[in-house]
Amino acid sequence: MPRGTAENAFEERAAAEEIEILVRNNNFSQVTVYTARAGSGRRLGIVPGKGEATFKVRWTLPDIRLRVRPLAGREFYTETLSVAPGELLELVIPPR
């Protein structure tokens, strides 16, 4: 087997298990976005105030919930959403 073939197959499998999360932050406050699952979470990244960012995450579970922590203000959680690999989720944070 040529070198790199196993790596390519692994990368393709990982990419096939990814979802994309587009966050549009209409608030003036910067936010940090996390996945939230049964008491644990994974930091996806920061979205500046009045900005947007797209995060790719390997996700094999049938649903997802996000936690949003504004730099100023209270954190909040999204409702639990059904998701499948290859999907794009869009989260719009309203102005406050």
PDB file of N, CA and C in Angstrom:
ATOM      1  N   MET A   1       0.855  -1.179   0.000  1.00  0.00           N
ATOM      2  CA  MET A   1       0.000   0.000   0.000  1.00  0.00           C
ATOM      3  C   MET A   1       0.895   1.235   0.000  1.00  0.00           C
ATOM      4  N   PRO A   2       0.709   2.158  -0.922  1.00  0.00           N
ATOM      5  CA  PRO A   2       1.521   3.361  -0.971  1.00  0.00           C
ATOM      6  C   PRO A   2       1.343   4.190   0.302  1.00  0.00           C
ATOM      7  N   ARG A   3       2.460   4.794   0.709  1.00  0.00           N
ATOM      8  CA  ARG A   3       2.411   5.644   1.906  1.00  0.00           C
ATOM      9  C   ARG A   3       1.429   6.789   1.669  1.00  0.00           C
ATOM     10  N   GLY A   4       0.647   7.109   2.679  1.00  0.00           N
ATOM     11  CA  GLY A   4      -0.312   8.195   2.562  1.00  0.00           C
ATOM     12  C   GLY A   4      -1.717   7.717   2.238  1.00  0.00           C
ATOM     13  N   THR A   5      -1.863   6.500   1.734  1.00  0.00           N
ATOM     14  CA  THR A   5      -3.194   6.010   1.389  1.00  0.00           C
ATOM     15  C   THR A   5      -4.051   5.853   2.635  1.00  0.00           C
ATOM     16  N   ALA A   6      -3.485   5.271   3.694  1.00  0.00           N
ATOM     17  CA  ALA A   6      -4.235   5.110   4.944  1.00  0.00           C
ATOM     18  C   ALA A   6      -4.568   6.481   5.532  1.00  0.00           C
ATOM     19  N   GLU A   7      -3.608   7.407   5.462  1.00  0.00           N
ATOM     20  CA  GLU A   7      -3.853   8.754   5.966  1.00  0.00           C
ATOM     21  C   GLU A   7      -4.975   9.421   5.188  1.00  0.00           C
ATOM     22  N   ASN A   8      -4.958   9.286   3.877  1.00  0.00           N
ATOM     23  CA  ASN A   8      -6.004   9.883   3.058  1.00  0.00           C
ATOM     24  C   ASN A   8      -7.372   9.284   3.385  1.00  0.00           C
ATOM     25  N   ALA A   9      -7.419   7.976   3.581  1.00  0.00           N
ATOM     26  CA  ALA A   9      -8.680   7.320   3.912  1.00  0.00           C
ATOM     27  C   ALA A   9      -9.187   7.810   5.267  1.00  0.00           C
ATOM     28  N   PHE A  10      -8.273   7.968   6.223  1.00  0.00           N
ATOM     29  CA  PHE A  10      -8.658   8.464   7.545  1.00  0.00           C
ATOM     30  C   PHE A  10      -9.177   9.900   7.438  1.00  0.00           C
ATOM     31  N   GLU A  11      -8.482  10.742   6.675  1.00  0.00           N
ATOM     32  CA  GLU A  11      -8.909  12.130   6.506  1.00  0.00           C
ATOM     33  C   GLU A  11     -10.275  12.206   5.833  1.00  0.00           C
ATOM     34  N   GLU A  12     -10.499  11.362   4.833  1.00  0.00           N
ATOM     35  CA  GLU A  12     -11.783  11.350   4.145  1.00  0.00           C
ATOM     36  C   GLU A  12     -12.892  10.899   5.081  1.00  0.00           C
ATOM     37  N   ARG A  13     -12.611   9.890   5.919  1.00  0.00           N
ATOM     38  CA  ARG A  13     -13.613   9.414   6.871  1.00  0.00           C
ATOM     39  C   ARG A  13     -13.918  10.503   7.897  1.00  0.00           C
ATOM     40  N   ALA A  14     -12.882  11.171   8.407  1.00  0.00           N
ATOM     41  CA  ALA A  14     -13.087  12.244   9.385  1.00  0.00           C
ATOM     42  C   ALA A  14     -13.904  13.375   8.765  1.00  0.00           C
ATOM     43  N   ALA A  15     -13.601  13.741   7.525  1.00  0.00           N
ATOM     44  CA  ALA A  15     -14.338  14.811   6.839  1.00  0.00           C
ATOM     45  C   ALA A  15     -15.792  14.401   6.621  1.00  0.00           C
ATOM     46  N   ALA A  16     -16.027  13.118   6.375  1.00  0.00           N
ATOM     47  CA  ALA A  16     -17.388  12.638   6.165  1.00  0.00           C
ATOM     48  C   ALA A  16     -18.208  12.688   7.448  1.00  0.00           C
ATOM     49  N   GLU A  17     -17.540  12.747   8.605  1.00  0.00           N
ATOM     50  CA  GLU A  17     -18.228  12.803   9.897  1.00  0.00           C
ATOM     51  C   GLU A  17     -18.337  14.233  10.422  1.00  0.00           C
ATOM     52  N   GLU A  18     -17.913  15.213   9.644  1.00  0.00           N
ATOM     53  CA  GLU A  18     -17.939  16.599  10.093  1.00  0.00           C
ATOM     54  C   GLU A  18     -19.289  17.257   9.831  1.00  0.00           C
ATOM     55  N   ILE A  19     -19.607  18.207  10.696  1.00  0.00           N
ATOM     56  CA  ILE A  19     -20.705  19.127  10.450  1.00  0.00           C
ATOM     57  C   ILE A  19     -20.110  20.530  10.465  1.00  0.00           C
ATOM     58  N   GLU A  20     -20.800  21.450   9.834  1.00  0.00           N
ATOM     59  CA  GLU A  20     -20.387  22.855   9.860  1.00  0.00           C
ATOM     60  C   GLU A  20     -21.410  23.637  10.663  1.00  0.00           C
ATOM     61  N   ILE A  21     -20.900  24.566  11.461  1.00  0.00           N
ATOM     62  CA  ILE A  21     -21.775  25.420  12.253  1.00  0.00           C
ATOM     63  C   ILE A  21     -21.436  26.865  11.913  1.00  0.00           C
ATOM     64  N   LEU A  22     -22.379  27.541  11.283  1.00  0.00           N
ATOM     65  CA  LEU A  22     -22.222  28.950  10.926  1.00  0.00           C
ATOM     66  C   LEU A  22     -22.881  29.771  12.029  1.00  0.00           C
ATOM     67  N   VAL A  23     -22.111  30.657  12.646  1.00  0.00           N
ATOM     68  CA  VAL A  23     -22.637  31.508  13.715  1.00  0.00           C
ATOM     69  C   VAL A  23     -22.626  32.946  13.227  1.00  0.00           C
ATOM     70  N   ARG A  24     -23.800  33.563  13.208  1.00  0.00           N
ATOM     71  CA  ARG A  24     -23.950  34.980  12.866  1.00  0.00           C
ATOM     72  C   ARG A  24     -24.276  35.716  14.167  1.00  0.00           C
ATOM     73  N   ASN A  25     -23.356  36.557  14.587  1.00  0.00           N
ATOM     74  CA  ASN A  25     -23.517  37.267  15.848  1.00  0.00           C
ATOM     75  C   ASN A  25     -24.012  38.685  15.578  1.00  0.00           C
ATOM     76  N   ASN A  26     -25.289  38.935  15.808  1.00  0.00           N
ATOM     77  CA  ASN A  26     -25.870  40.262  15.600  1.00  0.00           C
ATOM     78  C   ASN A  26     -25.777  41.125  16.857  1.00  0.00           C
ATOM     79  N   ASN A  27     -25.161  40.588  17.888  1.00  0.00           N
ATOM     80  CA  ASN A  27     -24.979  41.297  19.140  1.00  0.00           C
ATOM     81  C   ASN A  27     -23.678  42.097  19.069  1.00  0.00           C
ATOM     82  N   PHE A  28     -23.549  43.123  19.899  1.00  0.00           N
ATOM     83  CA  PHE A  28     -22.305  43.886  19.946  1.00  0.00           C
ATOM     84  C   PHE A  28     -21.226  43.153  20.735  1.00  0.00           C
ATOM     85  N   SER A  29     -21.632  42.233  21.613  1.00  0.00           N
ATOM     86  CA  SER A  29     -20.700  41.523  22.474  1.00  0.00           C
ATOM     87  C   SER A  29     -20.105  40.304  21.770  1.00  0.00           C
ATOM     88  N   GLN A  30     -18.824  40.118  21.919  1.00  0.00           N
ATOM     89  CA  GLN A  30     -18.147  38.923  21.421  1.00  0.00           C
ATOM     90  C   GLN A  30     -18.699  37.707  22.158  1.00  0.00           C
ATOM     91  N   VAL A  31     -18.808  36.564  21.465  1.00  0.00           N
ATOM     92  CA  VAL A  31     -19.283  35.338  22.097  1.00  0.00           C
ATOM     93  C   VAL A  31     -18.288  34.207  21.860  1.00  0.00           C
ATOM     94  N   THR A  32     -18.278  33.269  22.803  1.00  0.00           N
ATOM     95  CA  THR A  32     -17.539  32.023  22.643  1.00  0.00           C
ATOM     96  C   THR A  32     -18.576  30.916  22.529  1.00  0.00           C
ATOM     97  N   VAL A  33     -18.411  30.036  21.543  1.00  0.00           N
ATOM     98  CA  VAL A  33     -19.387  28.990  21.270  1.00  0.00           C
ATOM     99  C   VAL A  33     -18.782  27.634  21.622  1.00  0.00           C
ATOM    100  N   TYR A  34     -19.587  26.812  22.296  1.00  0.00           N
ATOM    101  CA  TYR A  34     -19.188  25.469  22.714  1.00  0.00           C
ATOM    102  C   TYR A  34     -20.265  24.467  22.296  1.00  0.00           C
ATOM    103  N   THR A  35     -19.882  23.204  22.127  1.00  0.00           N
ATOM    104  CA  THR A  35     -20.880  22.149  22.076  1.00  0.00           C
ATOM    105  C   THR A  35     -21.236  21.850  23.523  1.00  0.00           C
ATOM    106  N   ALA A  36     -22.429  21.372  23.766  1.00  0.00           N
ATOM    107  CA  ALA A  36     -22.866  21.052  25.128  1.00  0.00           C
ATOM    108  C   ALA A  36     -23.537  19.683  25.096  1.00  0.00           C
ATOM    109  N   ARG A  37     -22.940  18.733  25.784  1.00  0.00           N
ATOM    110  CA  ARG A  37     -23.486  17.376  25.773  1.00  0.00           C
ATOM    111  C   ARG A  37     -23.230  16.708  27.112  1.00  0.00           C
ATOM    112  N   ALA A  38     -24.274  16.412  27.850  1.00  0.00           N
ATOM    113  CA  ALA A  38     -24.222  15.649  29.106  1.00  0.00           C
ATOM    114  C   ALA A  38     -23.116  16.133  30.041  1.00  0.00           C
ATOM    115  N   GLY A  39     -23.102  17.418  30.305  1.00  0.00           N
ATOM    116  CA  GLY A  39     -22.144  17.959  31.266  1.00  0.00           C
ATOM    117  C   GLY A  39     -20.759  18.235  30.719  1.00  0.00           C
ATOM    118  N   SER A  40     -20.505  17.859  29.500  1.00  0.00           N
ATOM    119  CA  SER A  40     -19.202  18.155  28.906  1.00  0.00           C
ATOM    120  C   SER A  40     -19.407  19.018  27.675  1.00  0.00           C
ATOM    121  N   GLY A  41     -18.367  19.666  27.267  1.00  0.00           N
ATOM    122  CA  GLY A  41     -18.471  20.515  26.092  1.00  0.00           C
ATOM    123  C   GLY A  41     -17.127  20.664  25.415  1.00  0.00           C
ATOM    124  N   ARG A  42     -17.186  21.156  24.225  1.00  0.00           N
ATOM    125  CA  ARG A  42     -15.977  21.380  23.440  1.00  0.00           C
ATOM    126  C   ARG A  42     -16.035  22.798  22.901  1.00  0.00           C
ATOM    127  N   ARG A  43     -14.976  23.550  23.104  1.00  0.00           N
ATOM    128  CA  ARG A  43     -14.910  24.919  22.617  1.00  0.00           C
ATOM    129  C   ARG A  43     -14.744  24.910  21.103  1.00  0.00           C
ATOM    130  N   LEU A  44     -15.652  25.610  20.415  1.00  0.00           N
ATOM    131  CA  LEU A  44     -15.551  25.720  18.964  1.00  0.00           C
ATOM    132  C   LEU A  44     -14.754  26.951  18.576  1.00  0.00           C
ATOM    133  N   GLY A  45     -15.010  28.073  19.263  1.00  0.00           N
ATOM    134  CA  GLY A  45     -14.257  29.278  18.946  1.00  0.00           C
ATOM    135  C   GLY A  45     -15.008  30.541  19.322  1.00  0.00           C
ATOM    136  N   ILE A  46     -14.413  31.657  18.944  1.00  0.00           N
ATOM    137  CA  ILE A  46     -14.922  32.984  19.271  1.00  0.00           C
ATOM    138  C   ILE A  46     -15.514  33.627  18.020  1.00  0.00           C
ATOM    139  N   VAL A  47     -16.628  34.337  18.223  1.00  0.00           N
ATOM    140  CA  VAL A  47     -17.252  35.093  17.143  1.00  0.00           C
ATOM    141  C   VAL A  47     -17.317  36.547  17.614  1.00  0.00           C
ATOM    142  N   PRO A  48     -16.710  37.463  16.872  1.00  0.00           N
ATOM    143  CA  PRO A  48     -16.718  38.867  17.308  1.00  0.00           C
ATOM    144  C   PRO A  48     -18.120  39.469  17.234  1.00  0.00           C
ATOM    145  N   GLY A  49     -18.312  40.541  17.994  1.00  0.00           N
ATOM    146  CA  GLY A  49     -19.573  41.265  17.928  1.00  0.00           C
ATOM    147  C   GLY A  49     -19.823  41.747  16.507  1.00  0.00           C
ATOM    148  N   LYS A  50     -21.070  41.625  16.070  1.00  0.00           N
ATOM    149  CA  LYS A  50     -21.468  42.016  14.707  1.00  0.00           C
ATOM    150  C   LYS A  50     -20.658  41.283  13.635  1.00  0.00           C
ATOM    151  N   GLY A  51     -20.254  40.047  13.963  1.00  0.00           N
ATOM    152  CA  GLY A  51     -19.444  39.267  13.021  1.00  0.00           C
ATOM    153  C   GLY A  51     -20.016  37.879  12.825  1.00  0.00           C
ATOM    154  N   GLU A  52     -19.288  37.068  12.086  1.00  0.00           N
ATOM    155  CA  GLU A  52     -19.696  35.688  11.873  1.00  0.00           C
ATOM    156  C   GLU A  52     -18.476  34.800  11.748  1.00  0.00           C
ATOM    157  N   ALA A  53     -18.689  33.521  11.991  1.00  0.00           N
ATOM    158  CA  ALA A  53     -17.617  32.531  11.874  1.00  0.00           C
ATOM    159  C   ALA A  53     -18.247  31.187  11.545  1.00  0.00           C
ATOM    160  N   THR A  54     -17.485  30.353  10.873  1.00  0.00           N
ATOM    161  CA  THR A  54     -17.915  29.005  10.555  1.00  0.00           C
ATOM    162  C   THR A  54     -16.943  28.038  11.217  1.00  0.00           C
ATOM    163  N   PHE A  55     -17.503  27.060  11.917  1.00  0.00           N
ATOM    164  CA  PHE A  55     -16.691  26.060  12.603  1.00  0.00           C
ATOM    165  C   PHE A  55     -17.012  24.695  12.023  1.00  0.00           C
ATOM    166  N   LYS A  56     -15.987  23.884  11.809  1.00  0.00           N
ATOM    167  CA  LYS A  56     -16.163  22.496  11.394  1.00  0.00           C
ATOM    168  C   LYS A  56     -15.793  21.629  12.577  1.00  0.00           C
ATOM    169  N   VAL A  57     -16.646  20.660  12.861  1.00  0.00           N
ATOM    170  CA  VAL A  57     -16.404  19.782  13.994  1.00  0.00           C
ATOM    171  C   VAL A  57     -16.792  18.354  13.618  1.00  0.00           C
ATOM    172  N   ARG A  58     -15.981  17.425  14.043  1.00  0.00           N
ATOM    173  CA  ARG A  58     -16.301  16.019  13.814  1.00  0.00           C
ATOM    174  C   ARG A  58     -17.428  15.653  14.765  1.00  0.00           C
ATOM    175  N   TRP A  59     -18.536  15.181  14.226  1.00  0.00           N
ATOM    176  CA  TRP A  59     -19.716  14.916  15.042  1.00  0.00           C
ATOM    177  C   TRP A  59     -20.424  13.681  14.531  1.00  0.00           C
ATOM    178  N   THR A  60     -20.536  12.665  15.379  1.00  0.00           N
ATOM    179  CA  THR A  60     -21.177  11.412  14.968  1.00  0.00           C
ATOM    180  C   THR A  60     -22.469  11.134  15.733  1.00  0.00           C
ATOM    181  N   LEU A  61     -22.819  12.017  16.667  1.00  0.00           N
ATOM    182  CA  LEU A  61     -24.032  11.820  17.455  1.00  0.00           C
ATOM    183  C   LEU A  61     -25.258  12.311  16.682  1.00  0.00           C
ATOM    184  N   PRO A  62     -26.445  11.808  17.031  1.00  0.00           N
ATOM    185  CA  PRO A  62     -27.651  12.176  16.262  1.00  0.00           C
ATOM    186  C   PRO A  62     -28.213  13.558  16.581  1.00  0.00           C
ATOM    187  N   ASP A  63     -27.722  14.192  17.653  1.00  0.00           N
ATOM    188  CA  ASP A  63     -28.213  15.530  17.972  1.00  0.00           C
ATOM    189  C   ASP A  63     -27.094  16.365  18.587  1.00  0.00           C
ATOM    190  N   ILE A  64     -27.354  17.672  18.652  1.00  0.00           N
ATOM    191  CA  ILE A  64     -26.348  18.603  19.172  1.00  0.00           C
ATOM    192  C   ILE A  64     -27.059  19.746  19.891  1.00  0.00           C
ATOM    193  N   ARG A  65     -26.374  20.267  20.871  1.00  0.00           N
ATOM    194  CA  ARG A  65     -26.828  21.455  21.589  1.00  0.00           C
ATOM    195  C   ARG A  65     -25.613  22.353  21.753  1.00  0.00           C
ATOM    196  N   LEU A  66     -25.802  23.653  21.591  1.00  0.00           N
ATOM    197  CA  LEU A  66     -24.693  24.594  21.682  1.00  0.00           C
ATOM    198  C   LEU A  66     -24.852  25.492  22.904  1.00  0.00           C
ATOM    199  N   ARG A  67     -23.714  25.857  23.486  1.00  0.00           N
ATOM    200  CA  ARG A  67     -23.682  26.819  24.594  1.00  0.00           C
ATOM    201  C   ARG A  67     -22.993  28.064  24.082  1.00  0.00           C
ATOM    202  N   VAL A  68     -23.585  29.220  24.357  1.00  0.00           N
ATOM    203  CA  VAL A  68     -23.043  30.501  23.889  1.00  0.00           C
ATOM    204  C   VAL A  68     -22.737  31.354  25.117  1.00  0.00           C
ATOM    205  N   ARG A  69     -21.482  31.787  25.225  1.00  0.00           N
ATOM    206  CA  ARG A  69     -21.056  32.621  26.351  1.00  0.00           C
ATOM    207  C   ARG A  69     -20.633  33.989  25.838  1.00  0.00           C
ATOM    208  N   PRO A  70     -21.486  34.999  26.024  1.00  0.00           N
ATOM    209  CA  PRO A  70     -21.098  36.358  25.627  1.00  0.00           C
ATOM    210  C   PRO A  70     -20.016  36.905  26.551  1.00  0.00           C
ATOM    211  N   LEU A  71     -19.197  37.786  26.028  1.00  0.00           N
ATOM    212  CA  LEU A  71     -18.191  38.455  26.842  1.00  0.00           C
ATOM    213  C   LEU A  71     -18.884  39.289  27.915  1.00  0.00           C
ATOM    214  N   ALA A  72     -20.004  39.897  27.552  1.00  0.00           N
ATOM    215  CA  ALA A  72     -20.817  40.655  28.502  1.00  0.00           C
ATOM    216  C   ALA A  72     -22.235  40.102  28.441  1.00  0.00           C
ATOM    217  N   GLY A  73     -22.744  39.627  29.558  1.00  0.00           N
ATOM    218  CA  GLY A  73     -24.101  39.091  29.589  1.00  0.00           C
ATOM    219  C   GLY A  73     -24.116  37.640  30.008  1.00  0.00           C
ATOM    220  N   ARG A  74     -25.310  37.089  30.026  1.00  0.00           N
ATOM    221  CA  ARG A  74     -25.510  35.709  30.466  1.00  0.00           C
ATOM    222  C   ARG A  74     -25.324  34.719  29.332  1.00  0.00           C
ATOM    223  N   GLU A  75     -24.775  33.560  29.694  1.00  0.00           N
ATOM    224  CA  GLU A  75     -24.673  32.503  28.704  1.00  0.00           C
ATOM    225  C   GLU A  75     -26.047  31.894  28.469  1.00  0.00           C
ATOM    226  N   PHE A  76     -26.193  31.242  27.319  1.00  0.00           N
ATOM    227  CA  PHE A  76     -27.437  30.556  27.020  1.00  0.00           C
ATOM    228  C   PHE A  76     -27.147  29.325  26.185  1.00  0.00           C
ATOM    229  N   TYR A  77     -28.138  28.449  26.121  1.00  0.00           N
ATOM    230  CA  TYR A  77     -28.040  27.201  25.366  1.00  0.00           C
ATOM    231  C   TYR A  77     -29.076  27.203  24.251  1.00  0.00           C
ATOM    232  N   THR A  78     -28.726  26.571  23.152  1.00  0.00           N
ATOM    233  CA  THR A  78     -29.708  26.370  22.088  1.00  0.00           C
ATOM    234  C   THR A  78     -30.571  25.177  22.472  1.00  0.00           C
ATOM    235  N   GLU A  79     -31.661  25.003  21.771  1.00  0.00           N
ATOM    236  CA  GLU A  79     -32.422  23.767  21.945  1.00  0.00           C
ATOM    237  C   GLU A  79     -31.626  22.638  21.299  1.00  0.00           C
ATOM    238  N   THR A  80     -31.953  21.423  21.619  1.00  0.00           N
ATOM    239  CA  THR A  80     -31.279  20.268  21.031  1.00  0.00           C
ATOM    240  C   THR A  80     -31.789  20.079  19.605  1.00  0.00           C
ATOM    241  N   LEU A  81     -30.855  19.956  18.683  1.00  0.00           N
ATOM    242  CA  LEU A  81     -31.191  19.841  17.264  1.00  0.00           C
ATOM    243  C   LEU A  81     -30.702  18.516  16.704  1.00  0.00           C
ATOM    244  N   SER A  82     -31.500  17.914  15.837  1.00  0.00           N
ATOM    245  CA  SER A  82     -31.063  16.718  15.117  1.00  0.00           C
ATOM    246  C   SER A  82     -30.041  17.128  14.076  1.00  0.00           C
ATOM    247  N   VAL A  83     -29.005  16.320  13.932  1.00  0.00           N
ATOM    248  CA  VAL A  83     -27.949  16.651  12.981  1.00  0.00           C
ATOM    249  C   VAL A  83     -27.339  15.363  12.438  1.00  0.00           C
ATOM    250  N   ALA A  84     -26.887  15.436  11.208  1.00  0.00           N
ATOM    251  CA  ALA A  84     -26.221  14.304  10.567  1.00  0.00           C
ATOM    252  C   ALA A  84     -24.925  14.804   9.937  1.00  0.00           C
ATOM    253  N   PRO A  85     -23.928  13.944   9.831  1.00  0.00           N
ATOM    254  CA  PRO A  85     -22.672  14.354   9.197  1.00  0.00           C
ATOM    255  C   PRO A  85     -22.914  14.966   7.825  1.00  0.00           C
ATOM    256  N   GLY A  86     -22.157  16.019   7.549  1.00  0.00           N
ATOM    257  CA  GLY A  86     -22.271  16.710   6.274  1.00  0.00           C
ATOM    258  C   GLY A  86     -23.239  17.880   6.297  1.00  0.00           C
ATOM    259  N   GLU A  87     -23.989  18.031   7.376  1.00  0.00           N
ATOM    260  CA  GLU A  87     -24.973  19.116   7.440  1.00  0.00           C
ATOM    261  C   GLU A  87     -24.340  20.433   7.877  1.00  0.00           C
ATOM    262  N   LEU A  88     -25.040  21.508   7.547  1.00  0.00           N
ATOM    263  CA  LEU A  88     -24.661  22.858   7.961  1.00  0.00           C
ATOM    264  C   LEU A  88     -25.737  23.380   8.891  1.00  0.00           C
ATOM    265  N   LEU A  89     -25.332  23.769  10.096  1.00  0.00           N
ATOM    266  CA  LEU A  89     -26.245  24.394  11.047  1.00  0.00           C
ATOM    267  C   LEU A  89     -25.958  25.886  11.056  1.00  0.00           C
ATOM    268  N   GLU A  90     -26.986  26.679  11.215  1.00  0.00           N
ATOM    269  CA  GLU A  90     -26.809  28.121  11.305  1.00  0.00           C
ATOM    270  C   GLU A  90     -27.397  28.604  12.620  1.00  0.00           C
ATOM    271  N   LEU A  91     -26.587  29.300  13.388  1.00  0.00           N
ATOM    272  CA  LEU A  91     -27.015  29.898  14.652  1.00  0.00           C
ATOM    273  C   LEU A  91     -26.945  31.406  14.506  1.00  0.00           C
ATOM    274  N   VAL A  92     -28.078  32.063  14.717  1.00  0.00           N
ATOM    275  CA  VAL A  92     -28.123  33.526  14.651  1.00  0.00           C
ATOM    276  C   VAL A  92     -28.338  34.033  16.071  1.00  0.00           C
ATOM    277  N   ILE A  93     -27.400  34.842  16.543  1.00  0.00           N
ATOM    278  CA  ILE A  93     -27.482  35.431  17.863  1.00  0.00           C
ATOM    279  C   ILE A  93     -28.107  36.819  17.712  1.00  0.00           C
ATOM    280  N   PRO A  94     -29.261  37.014  18.343  1.00  0.00           N
ATOM    281  CA  PRO A  94     -29.973  38.281  18.152  1.00  0.00           C
ATOM    282  C   PRO A  94     -29.296  39.437  18.907  1.00  0.00           C
ATOM    283  N   PRO A  95     -29.556  40.666  18.473  1.00  0.00           N
ATOM    284  CA  PRO A  95     -29.046  41.808  19.228  1.00  0.00           C
ATOM    285  C   PRO A  95     -29.775  41.878  20.569  1.00  0.00           C
ATOM    286  N   ARG A  96     -29.095  42.386  21.562  1.00  0.00           N
ATOM    287  CA  ARG A  96     -29.725  42.492  22.889  1.00  0.00           C
ATOM    288  C   ARG A  96     -29.625  43.895  23.383  1.00  0.00           C
TER     289      ARG A  96
END
